[in-house]
Structure formats: structure tokens, C-alpha cells
Amino acid sequence: MVKEMETDEVIYRRFMDSGDEDDLRVLLERHRESFTLFLYGYMHSLEDAEELMLDAFAVAVSGTARFSGRSSFKTWLFGIGRNLARKRLRDQRPWTEELRGGTPSVTQPAPEAELIHGERQRHLYAALEKLPADYRQALYLLFFEDMSCEEAAQVMGKSKKQVYNLSFRGKQTLKDILEKTGFDDAWFE
């Protein structure tokens, strides 16, 4: 199919011009899973992450946010999602902390564990949950979403140097967490 070879940017612009729902469907299929997992890092609820993912797509296709082409469509979309997640967390903060009693427990099975097979990945995801949010987000964007430092910086609203530092510190902290739980570098090779 021709649409599978086209860039997100071309498909998005065509959708905005023609309103062809097939174009929107292609974009949703390409980004639904990874975008939802990205938003889960903020929300710690799969239902909330899925709802935000759909809200971000709604913002993108409604024309409320303008795609300038200075970044990739994916980077722009993830930025919209980040902003929506931060706004929702700000709006819910007093209630959320009371209900959760602080940060979510990593002993509960994460929804990602259902998507990732194998014991190594489950330990890695549990260790990632222990990282500060900025470290976790930088590592996720760089290594799981395969974004460049510049793209991750745009999504996070930080400079490239800040993202580089966050990822470096995040990797060091992740290594320390894994070593404390009995895993070493050779275990993940």
C-alpha cells in the first residue's frame, strides 16, 4: 500500500486537507501503542494513558495545535501528549496523592509487562519505574522510541544538553538499581 511508505508528515497534511479517515487510521496504527506507553509513564494508569492518547490525536486533527514542520510529526504529537498529561496531573494533584498515598508501587504488575515477554524485561521495567520521571522519560524516548537527543528535547521541553545529562544520569541510576536487585551488565546482554 502506498500509505505505508509515506511519511507521517505527508499523511497528516493530506488528512488536514482532505479529511480522509484512512489517513488518520494509518497514523493511529503507527503510533497508538508506543504513544500510549509513553503517556503511561506520566499517568501510571493504562486507561488514563489511552484516553490521553486519543485526546492528543483529537487536538492534532482538530487544528487546535498547528504542525509547523520544524520537527517530525511523532515528536510534535508526543509533545502534545506530554502537555496534556502534565495539565491533567496538575489538575488532579491534590486528589491523586491522597488516593495513591504518594508514588505508585512498583510491586504491582505494570501494564507494559503484559506486552513485554521475558523475565529480563519485567525486571528492567520495574527498575525504570523507580527512576525519577525525567530520567525515565529521557531513557524511554531515546532507547524505546529511538528518538534523537534533539527530538527528545523537543518532546520534553528541554535543551539537548539537559536530555543528554538526564539520560546519562538515568542510565547510571538504572544500573545501580539493577545491581542492588542482583543483576549485572552481563545479565542483559
N, C-alpha and C. Protein backbone atom coordinates (compact mmCIF):
# COMPACT_ATOMS: atom_id res chain seq x y z
N MET A 1 0.84 -1.18 0.00
CA MET A 1 0.00 0.00 0.00
C MET A 1 0.89 1.24 0.00
N VAL A 2 0.50 2.25 -0.73
CA VAL A 2 1.28 3.47 -0.88
C VAL A 2 1.40 4.21 0.45
N LYS A 3 0.34 4.24 1.24
CA LYS A 3 0.35 4.99 2.50
C LYS A 3 1.37 4.44 3.49
N GLU A 4 1.67 3.16 3.41
CA GLU A 4 2.64 2.57 4.34
C GLU A 4 4.04 3.12 4.10
N MET A 5 4.33 3.56 2.87
CA MET A 5 5.65 4.08 2.54
C MET A 5 5.74 5.59 2.75
N GLU A 6 4.63 6.25 2.90
CA GLU A 6 4.62 7.71 3.06
C GLU A 6 5.00 8.10 4.48
N THR A 7 5.57 9.27 4.61
CA THR A 7 5.93 9.76 5.93
C THR A 7 4.69 10.21 6.68
N ASP A 8 4.81 10.26 7.99
CA ASP A 8 3.71 10.73 8.83
C ASP A 8 3.30 12.14 8.45
N GLU A 9 4.30 12.96 8.14
CA GLU A 9 4.04 14.36 7.83
C GLU A 9 3.16 14.49 6.58
N VAL A 10 3.47 13.70 5.55
CA VAL A 10 2.68 13.73 4.31
C VAL A 10 1.26 13.26 4.58
N ILE A 11 1.14 12.19 5.32
CA ILE A 11 -0.20 11.64 5.63
C ILE A 11 -1.01 12.63 6.46
N TYR A 12 -0.37 13.26 7.45
CA TYR A 12 -1.07 14.21 8.32
C TYR A 12 -1.54 15.42 7.51
N ARG A 13 -0.67 15.96 6.69
CA ARG A 13 -1.06 17.13 5.89
C ARG A 13 -2.21 16.78 4.93
N ARG A 14 -2.15 15.60 4.34
CA ARG A 14 -3.22 15.19 3.43
C ARG A 14 -4.53 15.05 4.21
N PHE A 15 -4.45 14.47 5.42
CA PHE A 15 -5.65 14.35 6.24
C PHE A 15 -6.24 15.73 6.54
N MET A 16 -5.39 16.67 6.90
CA MET A 16 -5.86 18.01 7.24
C MET A 16 -6.49 18.70 6.02
N ASP A 17 -5.98 18.39 4.83
CA ASP A 17 -6.54 18.99 3.61
C ASP A 17 -7.83 18.30 3.16
N SER A 18 -7.85 16.97 3.22
CA SER A 18 -8.98 16.23 2.64
C SER A 18 -9.93 15.63 3.66
N GLY A 19 -9.44 15.39 4.88
CA GLY A 19 -10.28 14.76 5.89
C GLY A 19 -10.48 13.27 5.69
N ASP A 20 -9.61 12.64 4.90
CA ASP A 20 -9.70 11.20 4.62
C ASP A 20 -9.41 10.42 5.90
N GLU A 21 -10.41 9.71 6.41
CA GLU A 21 -10.25 8.98 7.66
C GLU A 21 -9.25 7.84 7.56
N ASP A 22 -8.99 7.34 6.37
CA ASP A 22 -7.95 6.31 6.20
C ASP A 22 -6.59 6.86 6.60
N ASP A 23 -6.33 8.13 6.31
CA ASP A 23 -5.06 8.74 6.70
C ASP A 23 -4.94 8.79 8.22
N LEU A 24 -6.01 9.17 8.88
CA LEU A 24 -6.00 9.21 10.34
C LEU A 24 -5.80 7.82 10.91
N ARG A 25 -6.45 6.83 10.33
CA ARG A 25 -6.32 5.45 10.78
C ARG A 25 -4.86 4.98 10.68
N VAL A 26 -4.18 5.34 9.59
CA VAL A 26 -2.77 4.96 9.42
C VAL A 26 -1.92 5.57 10.53
N LEU A 27 -2.14 6.84 10.82
CA LEU A 27 -1.37 7.50 11.87
C LEU A 27 -1.64 6.87 13.24
N LEU A 28 -2.89 6.57 13.51
CA LEU A 28 -3.24 5.92 14.78
C LEU A 28 -2.57 4.55 14.89
N GLU A 29 -2.61 3.77 13.84
CA GLU A 29 -2.00 2.44 13.87
C GLU A 29 -0.49 2.53 14.08
N ARG A 30 0.15 3.51 13.47
CA ARG A 30 1.60 3.65 13.59
C ARG A 30 2.03 4.04 15.00
N HIS A 31 1.22 4.84 15.67
CA HIS A 31 1.69 5.43 16.92
C HIS A 31 0.91 5.04 18.17
N ARG A 32 -0.18 4.34 18.04
CA ARG A 32 -1.06 4.05 19.18
C ARG A 32 -0.31 3.39 20.35
N GLU A 33 0.36 2.29 20.10
CA GLU A 33 0.98 1.52 21.19
C GLU A 33 2.11 2.28 21.86
N SER A 34 3.06 2.78 21.08
CA SER A 34 4.21 3.45 21.68
C SER A 34 3.79 4.75 22.36
N PHE A 35 2.83 5.46 21.79
CA PHE A 35 2.36 6.71 22.37
C PHE A 35 1.65 6.45 23.69
N THR A 36 0.85 5.40 23.74
CA THR A 36 0.15 5.04 24.98
C THR A 36 1.15 4.66 26.07
N LEU A 37 2.18 3.89 25.72
CA LEU A 37 3.19 3.53 26.71
C LEU A 37 3.96 4.76 27.19
N PHE A 38 4.22 5.69 26.30
CA PHE A 38 4.88 6.94 26.68
C PHE A 38 4.02 7.69 27.70
N LEU A 39 2.73 7.81 27.44
CA LEU A 39 1.84 8.53 28.33
C LEU A 39 1.61 7.77 29.64
N TYR A 40 1.73 6.46 29.60
CA TYR A 40 1.62 5.66 30.83
C TYR A 40 2.71 6.08 31.83
N GLY A 41 3.87 6.46 31.32
CA GLY A 41 4.95 6.92 32.18
C GLY A 41 4.56 8.13 33.01
N TYR A 42 3.63 8.90 32.53
CA TYR A 42 3.12 10.05 33.29
C TYR A 42 1.95 9.65 34.19
N MET A 43 1.04 8.89 33.62
CA MET A 43 -0.24 8.67 34.29
C MET A 43 -0.28 7.46 35.22
N HIS A 44 0.54 6.46 34.96
CA HIS A 44 0.56 5.22 35.75
C HIS A 44 -0.80 4.51 35.76
N SER A 45 -1.55 4.76 34.72
CA SER A 45 -2.84 4.10 34.53
C SER A 45 -3.01 3.90 33.03
N LEU A 46 -3.22 2.66 32.63
CA LEU A 46 -3.36 2.37 31.20
C LEU A 46 -4.60 3.04 30.62
N GLU A 47 -5.69 3.06 31.38
CA GLU A 47 -6.91 3.69 30.90
C GLU A 47 -6.71 5.19 30.68
N ASP A 48 -6.07 5.85 31.64
CA ASP A 48 -5.80 7.28 31.50
C ASP A 48 -4.86 7.55 30.34
N ALA A 49 -3.85 6.69 30.17
CA ALA A 49 -2.90 6.86 29.08
C ALA A 49 -3.59 6.71 27.73
N GLU A 50 -4.47 5.73 27.61
CA GLU A 50 -5.21 5.54 26.35
C GLU A 50 -6.13 6.72 26.07
N GLU A 51 -6.77 7.22 27.11
CA GLU A 51 -7.65 8.37 26.95
C GLU A 51 -6.85 9.60 26.51
N LEU A 52 -5.70 9.82 27.12
CA LEU A 52 -4.86 10.95 26.74
C LEU A 52 -4.33 10.80 25.32
N MET A 53 -4.00 9.58 24.92
CA MET A 53 -3.52 9.33 23.56
C MET A 53 -4.59 9.78 22.57
N LEU A 54 -5.83 9.39 22.81
CA LEU A 54 -6.92 9.79 21.92
C LEU A 54 -7.16 11.30 21.98
N ASP A 55 -7.05 11.89 23.17
CA ASP A 55 -7.19 13.34 23.31
C ASP A 55 -6.12 14.07 22.51
N ALA A 56 -4.89 13.57 22.56
CA ALA A 56 -3.79 14.21 21.82
C ALA A 56 -4.03 14.13 20.32
N PHE A 57 -4.52 12.98 19.85
CA PHE A 57 -4.85 12.87 18.43
C PHE A 57 -5.99 13.83 18.08
N ALA A 58 -6.94 13.98 18.97
CA ALA A 58 -8.06 14.90 18.72
C ALA A 58 -7.54 16.33 18.59
N VAL A 59 -6.61 16.71 19.45
CA VAL A 59 -6.02 18.05 19.36
C VAL A 59 -5.29 18.20 18.03
N ALA A 60 -4.53 17.17 17.66
CA ALA A 60 -3.74 17.23 16.43
C ALA A 60 -4.63 17.37 15.20
N VAL A 61 -5.74 16.66 15.15
CA VAL A 61 -6.58 16.68 13.95
C VAL A 61 -7.62 17.79 13.97
N SER A 62 -7.85 18.39 15.12
CA SER A 62 -8.82 19.48 15.19
C SER A 62 -8.24 20.79 14.69
N GLY A 63 -6.93 20.85 14.60
CA GLY A 63 -6.29 22.09 14.18
C GLY A 63 -6.04 23.03 15.33
N THR A 64 -6.37 22.60 16.56
CA THR A 64 -6.12 23.43 17.74
C THR A 64 -4.62 23.71 17.87
N ALA A 65 -3.82 22.69 17.65
CA ALA A 65 -2.36 22.85 17.64
C ALA A 65 -1.93 22.82 16.17
N ARG A 66 -1.00 23.65 15.83
CA ARG A 66 -0.53 23.74 14.44
C ARG A 66 0.79 23.01 14.27
N PHE A 67 0.83 22.14 13.27
CA PHE A 67 2.06 21.43 12.93
C PHE A 67 2.87 22.30 11.99
N SER A 68 4.02 22.76 12.46
CA SER A 68 4.83 23.69 11.67
C SER A 68 5.83 22.98 10.77
N GLY A 69 6.12 21.73 11.06
CA GLY A 69 7.11 21.01 10.26
C GLY A 69 8.53 21.19 10.76
N ARG A 70 8.73 21.91 11.87
CA ARG A 70 10.07 22.10 12.42
C ARG A 70 10.59 20.82 13.08
N SER A 71 9.71 19.92 13.37
CA SER A 71 10.07 18.63 13.96
C SER A 71 9.32 17.55 13.20
N SER A 72 9.54 16.30 13.57
CA SER A 72 8.77 15.23 12.95
C SER A 72 7.36 15.24 13.53
N PHE A 73 6.43 14.63 12.84
CA PHE A 73 5.05 14.52 13.31
C PHE A 73 5.03 13.82 14.67
N LYS A 74 5.81 12.74 14.79
CA LYS A 74 5.84 11.96 16.03
C LYS A 74 6.31 12.82 17.20
N THR A 75 7.35 13.60 17.01
CA THR A 75 7.86 14.47 18.06
C THR A 75 6.80 15.48 18.47
N TRP A 76 6.15 16.07 17.48
CA TRP A 76 5.09 17.05 17.73
C TRP A 76 3.94 16.41 18.49
N LEU A 77 3.52 15.22 18.06
CA LEU A 77 2.41 14.52 18.71
C LEU A 77 2.75 14.16 20.15
N PHE A 78 3.95 13.65 20.38
CA PHE A 78 4.37 13.30 21.74
C PHE A 78 4.42 14.55 22.61
N GLY A 79 4.81 15.68 22.05
CA GLY A 79 4.80 16.95 22.80
C GLY A 79 3.40 17.34 23.22
N ILE A 80 2.43 17.17 22.31
CA ILE A 80 1.03 17.45 22.66
C ILE A 80 0.61 16.54 23.81
N GLY A 81 0.95 15.25 23.72
CA GLY A 81 0.60 14.30 24.77
C GLY A 81 1.23 14.66 26.10
N ARG A 82 2.50 15.05 26.06
CA ARG A 82 3.18 15.46 27.29
C ARG A 82 2.48 16.63 27.93
N ASN A 83 2.11 17.62 27.13
CA ASN A 83 1.44 18.80 27.68
C ASN A 83 0.08 18.45 28.26
N LEU A 84 -0.66 17.59 27.59
CA LEU A 84 -1.96 17.17 28.12
C LEU A 84 -1.80 16.39 29.43
N ALA A 85 -0.79 15.51 29.48
CA ALA A 85 -0.56 14.72 30.69
C ALA A 85 -0.18 15.62 31.86
N ARG A 86 0.70 16.58 31.60
CA ARG A 86 1.11 17.49 32.68
C ARG A 86 -0.07 18.32 33.18
N LYS A 87 -0.91 18.77 32.25
CA LYS A 87 -2.08 19.54 32.64
C LYS A 87 -3.02 18.69 33.49
N ARG A 88 -3.26 17.46 33.06
CA ARG A 88 -4.16 16.58 33.82
C ARG A 88 -3.58 16.30 35.21
N LEU A 89 -2.28 16.06 35.29
CA LEU A 89 -1.66 15.79 36.59
C LEU A 89 -1.74 17.01 37.50
N ARG A 90 -1.56 18.20 36.93
CA ARG A 90 -1.69 19.43 37.72
C ARG A 90 -3.11 19.57 38.25
N ASP A 91 -4.07 19.28 37.39
CA ASP A 91 -5.48 19.41 37.80
C ASP A 91 -5.87 18.37 38.84
N GLN A 92 -5.25 17.20 38.82
CA GLN A 92 -5.63 16.11 39.71
C GLN A 92 -4.73 15.99 40.94
N ARG A 93 -3.65 16.72 41.01
CA ARG A 93 -2.62 16.50 42.02
C ARG A 93 -3.14 16.33 43.45
N PRO A 94 -3.96 17.23 44.00
CA PRO A 94 -4.37 17.04 45.40
C PRO A 94 -5.12 15.73 45.62
N TRP A 95 -5.96 15.35 44.69
CA TRP A 95 -6.74 14.13 44.84
C TRP A 95 -5.87 12.90 44.61
N THR A 96 -5.03 12.93 43.62
CA THR A 96 -4.22 11.78 43.25
C THR A 96 -3.29 11.37 44.39
N GLU A 97 -2.61 12.34 45.01
CA GLU A 97 -1.67 12.00 46.07
C GLU A 97 -2.39 11.40 47.27
N GLU A 98 -3.59 11.91 47.58
CA GLU A 98 -4.33 11.36 48.70
C GLU A 98 -4.77 9.93 48.42
N LEU A 99 -5.26 9.68 47.21
CA LEU A 99 -5.76 8.35 46.86
C LEU A 99 -4.63 7.32 46.76
N ARG A 100 -3.51 7.73 46.19
CA ARG A 100 -2.41 6.80 45.98
C ARG A 100 -1.49 6.68 47.18
N GLY A 101 -1.51 7.69 48.03
CA GLY A 101 -0.57 7.67 49.14
C GLY A 101 0.85 7.92 48.66
N GLY A 102 1.02 8.75 47.65
CA GLY A 102 2.36 9.03 47.12
C GLY A 102 2.55 8.44 45.75
N THR A 103 3.75 7.91 45.52
CA THR A 103 4.06 7.36 44.20
C THR A 103 3.51 5.95 44.08
N PRO A 104 3.20 5.52 42.87
CA PRO A 104 2.65 4.17 42.69
C PRO A 104 3.68 3.11 43.03
N SER A 105 3.19 2.00 43.52
CA SER A 105 4.06 0.90 43.90
C SER A 105 4.55 0.15 42.67
N VAL A 106 5.83 -0.23 42.68
CA VAL A 106 6.36 -0.98 41.56
C VAL A 106 6.19 -2.48 41.77
N THR A 107 5.64 -2.86 42.93
CA THR A 107 5.41 -4.29 43.15
C THR A 107 4.17 -4.77 42.40
N GLN A 108 3.30 -3.84 42.03
CA GLN A 108 2.15 -4.21 41.23
C GLN A 108 2.62 -4.46 39.79
N PRO A 109 2.06 -5.46 39.13
CA PRO A 109 2.47 -5.70 37.75
C PRO A 109 2.08 -4.53 36.86
N ALA A 110 3.03 -4.01 36.10
CA ALA A 110 2.79 -2.89 35.20
C ALA A 110 2.10 -3.40 33.94
N PRO A 111 1.24 -2.57 33.35
CA PRO A 111 0.59 -3.00 32.10
C PRO A 111 1.58 -3.32 31.00
N GLU A 112 2.74 -2.67 31.01
CA GLU A 112 3.73 -2.98 29.97
C GLU A 112 4.22 -4.42 30.08
N ALA A 113 4.23 -4.96 31.30
CA ALA A 113 4.74 -6.33 31.47
C ALA A 113 3.93 -7.33 30.66
N GLU A 114 2.65 -7.01 30.45
CA GLU A 114 1.82 -7.87 29.62
C GLU A 114 2.26 -7.82 28.16
N LEU A 115 2.83 -6.69 27.75
CA LEU A 115 3.26 -6.52 26.36
C LEU A 115 4.67 -7.05 26.14
N ILE A 116 5.47 -7.07 27.14
CA ILE A 116 6.87 -7.46 27.03
C ILE A 116 7.02 -8.85 27.65
N HIS A 117 7.60 -9.77 26.89
CA HIS A 117 7.79 -11.12 27.38
C HIS A 117 9.19 -11.29 27.94
N GLY A 118 9.29 -12.15 28.92
CA GLY A 118 10.58 -12.50 29.47
C GLY A 118 10.86 -11.82 30.79
N GLU A 119 11.57 -12.51 31.61
CA GLU A 119 11.90 -12.02 32.94
C GLU A 119 12.81 -10.80 32.91
N ARG A 120 13.72 -10.74 31.97
CA ARG A 120 14.64 -9.60 31.90
C ARG A 120 13.90 -8.29 31.69
N GLN A 121 12.94 -8.29 30.79
CA GLN A 121 12.20 -7.07 30.52
C GLN A 121 11.37 -6.65 31.73
N ARG A 122 10.79 -7.60 32.43
CA ARG A 122 9.99 -7.24 33.61
C ARG A 122 10.86 -6.59 34.68
N HIS A 123 12.06 -7.12 34.87
CA HIS A 123 12.96 -6.51 35.85
C HIS A 123 13.40 -5.12 35.40
N LEU A 124 13.65 -4.99 34.12
CA LEU A 124 14.07 -3.69 33.59
C LEU A 124 12.95 -2.67 33.78
N TYR A 125 11.72 -3.03 33.45
CA TYR A 125 10.60 -2.10 33.60
C TYR A 125 10.36 -1.76 35.08
N ALA A 126 10.51 -2.73 35.95
CA ALA A 126 10.34 -2.45 37.38
C ALA A 126 11.41 -1.48 37.85
N ALA A 127 12.63 -1.65 37.37
CA ALA A 127 13.72 -0.74 37.74
C ALA A 127 13.47 0.64 37.15
N LEU A 128 12.97 0.71 35.93
CA LEU A 128 12.67 2.00 35.31
C LEU A 128 11.62 2.77 36.11
N GLU A 129 10.66 2.07 36.68
CA GLU A 129 9.63 2.72 37.49
C GLU A 129 10.20 3.40 38.72
N LYS A 130 11.36 2.95 39.17
CA LYS A 130 11.99 3.53 40.36
C LYS A 130 12.77 4.81 40.04
N LEU A 131 12.98 5.06 38.76
CA LEU A 131 13.74 6.25 38.35
C LEU A 131 12.89 7.51 38.50
N PRO A 132 13.54 8.65 38.72
CA PRO A 132 12.80 9.92 38.67
C PRO A 132 12.16 10.07 37.28
N ALA A 133 11.05 10.76 37.22
CA ALA A 133 10.26 10.86 35.99
C ALA A 133 11.08 11.39 34.81
N ASP A 134 11.90 12.41 35.01
CA ASP A 134 12.69 12.98 33.90
C ASP A 134 13.70 11.96 33.37
N TYR A 135 14.34 11.20 34.25
CA TYR A 135 15.29 10.18 33.81
C TYR A 135 14.57 9.12 32.98
N ARG A 136 13.44 8.67 33.51
CA ARG A 136 12.66 7.61 32.85
C ARG A 136 12.18 8.08 31.48
N GLN A 137 11.69 9.31 31.42
CA GLN A 137 11.17 9.82 30.16
C GLN A 137 12.29 9.97 29.13
N ALA A 138 13.44 10.48 29.53
CA ALA A 138 14.56 10.63 28.59
C ALA A 138 15.01 9.27 28.06
N LEU A 139 15.15 8.30 28.94
CA LEU A 139 15.57 6.96 28.51
C LEU A 139 14.52 6.33 27.60
N TYR A 140 13.26 6.49 27.93
CA TYR A 140 12.20 5.91 27.11
C TYR A 140 12.23 6.49 25.70
N LEU A 141 12.30 7.80 25.60
CA LEU A 141 12.29 8.43 24.28
C LEU A 141 13.52 8.06 23.46
N LEU A 142 14.68 8.04 24.10
CA LEU A 142 15.92 7.77 23.37
C LEU A 142 16.06 6.31 22.99
N PHE A 143 15.72 5.40 23.88
CA PHE A 143 16.02 3.99 23.65
C PHE A 143 14.82 3.16 23.21
N PHE A 144 13.63 3.48 23.68
CA PHE A 144 12.47 2.71 23.29
C PHE A 144 11.79 3.30 22.06
N GLU A 145 11.80 4.61 21.95
CA GLU A 145 11.20 5.28 20.79
C GLU A 145 12.24 5.62 19.73
N ASP A 146 13.51 5.39 20.02
CA ASP A 146 14.60 5.61 19.08
C ASP A 146 14.62 7.05 18.55
N MET A 147 14.31 8.00 19.43
CA MET A 147 14.37 9.41 19.05
C MET A 147 15.79 9.91 19.21
N SER A 148 16.12 10.94 18.46
CA SER A 148 17.41 11.60 18.63
C SER A 148 17.34 12.46 19.88
N CYS A 149 18.49 12.92 20.34
CA CYS A 149 18.53 13.79 21.52
C CYS A 149 17.73 15.07 21.24
N GLU A 150 17.83 15.58 20.03
CA GLU A 150 17.11 16.79 19.65
C GLU A 150 15.60 16.57 19.68
N GLU A 151 15.14 15.45 19.15
CA GLU A 151 13.70 15.15 19.16
C GLU A 151 13.20 14.96 20.59
N ALA A 152 13.96 14.23 21.40
CA ALA A 152 13.56 14.03 22.79
C ALA A 152 13.52 15.36 23.53
N ALA A 153 14.46 16.25 23.23
CA ALA A 153 14.48 17.57 23.86
C ALA A 153 13.21 18.35 23.51
N GLN A 154 12.77 18.26 22.26
CA GLN A 154 11.55 18.96 21.86
C GLN A 154 10.34 18.39 22.58
N VAL A 155 10.26 17.07 22.69
CA VAL A 155 9.13 16.45 23.37
C VAL A 155 9.12 16.83 24.85
N MET A 156 10.29 16.82 25.47
CA MET A 156 10.38 17.07 26.91
C MET A 156 10.37 18.56 27.26
N GLY A 157 10.58 19.42 26.26
CA GLY A 157 10.65 20.85 26.54
C GLY A 157 11.94 21.23 27.24
N LYS A 158 13.02 20.55 26.88
CA LYS A 158 14.33 20.78 27.48
C LYS A 158 15.36 20.98 26.38
N SER A 159 16.58 21.37 26.77
CA SER A 159 17.66 21.51 25.79
C SER A 159 18.27 20.13 25.52
N LYS A 160 19.01 20.04 24.41
CA LYS A 160 19.68 18.78 24.08
C LYS A 160 20.65 18.39 25.20
N LYS A 161 21.36 19.35 25.74
CA LYS A 161 22.33 19.09 26.81
C LYS A 161 21.61 18.54 28.05
N GLN A 162 20.46 19.10 28.37
CA GLN A 162 19.70 18.60 29.53
C GLN A 162 19.26 17.15 29.30
N VAL A 163 18.80 16.84 28.09
CA VAL A 163 18.37 15.47 27.79
C VAL A 163 19.56 14.52 27.85
N TYR A 164 20.70 14.96 27.31
CA TYR A 164 21.91 14.14 27.38
C TYR A 164 22.26 13.86 28.84
N ASN A 165 22.25 14.89 29.67
CA ASN A 165 22.57 14.71 31.10
C ASN A 165 21.55 13.82 31.80
N LEU A 166 20.27 14.02 31.50
CA LEU A 166 19.24 13.19 32.11
C LEU A 166 19.40 11.73 31.72
N SER A 167 19.72 11.48 30.45
CA SER A 167 19.89 10.08 30.02
C SER A 167 21.13 9.47 30.64
N PHE A 168 22.22 10.23 30.75
CA PHE A 168 23.44 9.72 31.38
C PHE A 168 23.17 9.37 32.84
N ARG A 169 22.57 10.30 33.56
CA ARG A 169 22.27 10.05 34.98
C ARG A 169 21.24 8.93 35.14
N GLY A 170 20.28 8.88 34.21
CA GLY A 170 19.27 7.83 34.25
C GLY A 170 19.89 6.45 34.07
N LYS A 171 20.82 6.33 33.12
CA LYS A 171 21.49 5.04 32.90
C LYS A 171 22.30 4.64 34.12
N GLN A 172 23.00 5.60 34.72
CA GLN A 172 23.79 5.30 35.92
C GLN A 172 22.89 4.85 37.07
N THR A 173 21.80 5.57 37.27
CA THR A 173 20.87 5.24 38.35
C THR A 173 20.21 3.89 38.09
N LEU A 174 19.83 3.64 36.84
CA LEU A 174 19.23 2.36 36.48
C LEU A 174 20.20 1.21 36.74
N LYS A 175 21.46 1.40 36.38
CA LYS A 175 22.48 0.38 36.62
C LYS A 175 22.60 0.10 38.12
N ASP A 176 22.64 1.16 38.93
CA ASP A 176 22.73 0.98 40.38
C ASP A 176 21.52 0.22 40.94
N ILE A 177 20.34 0.57 40.45
CA ILE A 177 19.12 -0.11 40.92
C ILE A 177 19.18 -1.59 40.56
N LEU A 178 19.57 -1.89 39.33
CA LEU A 178 19.64 -3.28 38.89
C LEU A 178 20.70 -4.06 39.66
N GLU A 179 21.83 -3.44 39.93
CA GLU A 179 22.88 -4.12 40.69
C GLU A 179 22.41 -4.41 42.12
N LYS A 180 21.66 -3.49 42.72
CA LYS A 180 21.15 -3.70 44.08
C LYS A 180 20.13 -4.83 44.14
N THR A 181 19.47 -5.10 43.02
CA THR A 181 18.50 -6.20 42.99
C THR A 181 19.11 -7.49 42.49
N GLY A 182 20.44 -7.50 42.32
CA GLY A 182 21.13 -8.74 41.98
C GLY A 182 21.41 -8.97 40.52
N PHE A 183 21.27 -7.97 39.70
CA PHE A 183 21.53 -8.12 38.27
C PHE A 183 22.75 -7.31 37.88
N ASP A 184 23.55 -7.87 36.97
CA ASP A 184 24.72 -7.16 36.50
C ASP A 184 24.61 -6.96 34.99
N ASP A 185 25.58 -6.26 34.41
CA ASP A 185 25.55 -5.93 32.99
C ASP A 185 25.45 -7.17 32.11
N ALA A 186 26.14 -8.23 32.47
CA ALA A 186 26.18 -9.46 31.64
C ALA A 186 24.79 -10.08 31.54
N TRP A 187 23.95 -9.89 32.55
CA TRP A 187 22.63 -10.49 32.56
C TRP A 187 21.76 -9.97 31.44
N PHE A 188 21.99 -8.70 31.01
CA PHE A 188 21.16 -8.07 29.99
C PHE A 188 21.73 -8.17 28.60
N GLU A 189 22.86 -8.82 28.41
CA GLU A 189 23.45 -8.94 27.06
C GLU A 189 22.78 -10.02 26.26
